[in-house]
Amino acid sequence: MSRVKILFLQSTTIVIYSAIIGLIFNWTSFNSLPLIAAKYIPLKDDPRIIALEDARKLFDEAGSVFIDARKQHDYANSHIPGALNFYAEEFGTEEEKSITELFPFDTVIIAYCDGGECELSRRLAERLGEMGYTKARILVAGWDGWKKAGYPIER
């Protein structure tokens, strides 16, 4: 067998083994990536979006839960009063367990991040929906919109 064929077979074998190991790692990983991408809905068209004014009404009624999806240091700097902090990129089983122990599945949960193009609130709302929270909402205006509207903040 020629040297080129041997190198080709070895390279192909390495690629196949690497792909298999990668798939196994992804399958067993807590934060696995989907192998088939879900249809992407532009954020502006997402039915879970809640308007800033509607979020404020729910805040005043005190029957809903606000979750800050930003990093802990952003939350510590300032946030919506009474909001919990679960960074969307690190949202895992411990956080899921604490939420399910605290709130029934019919609770209105409003996730927010910085606002604008920030996707953290959407990711968190998607995960909450997968857990069974059918009233998970996304505050697209986010923290920036809340602050600019002059609504209450906590430092």
Foldseek 3Di string as FASTA:
>chain_A
DDPVVVVVVVVVVVVVVVVVVVVVCLVPDQPHDDPDDDDDDPPVPDPQADEPVRVVVCVVVVQAAEEEQDDPVVVVVKDAPRHHYDNQVPDGDVNLVVDVVPDPLAHQYEYFYCADPDCRLVSVLVVSVVVRNPRYHYHRRGPVNCVVVVHDMDD
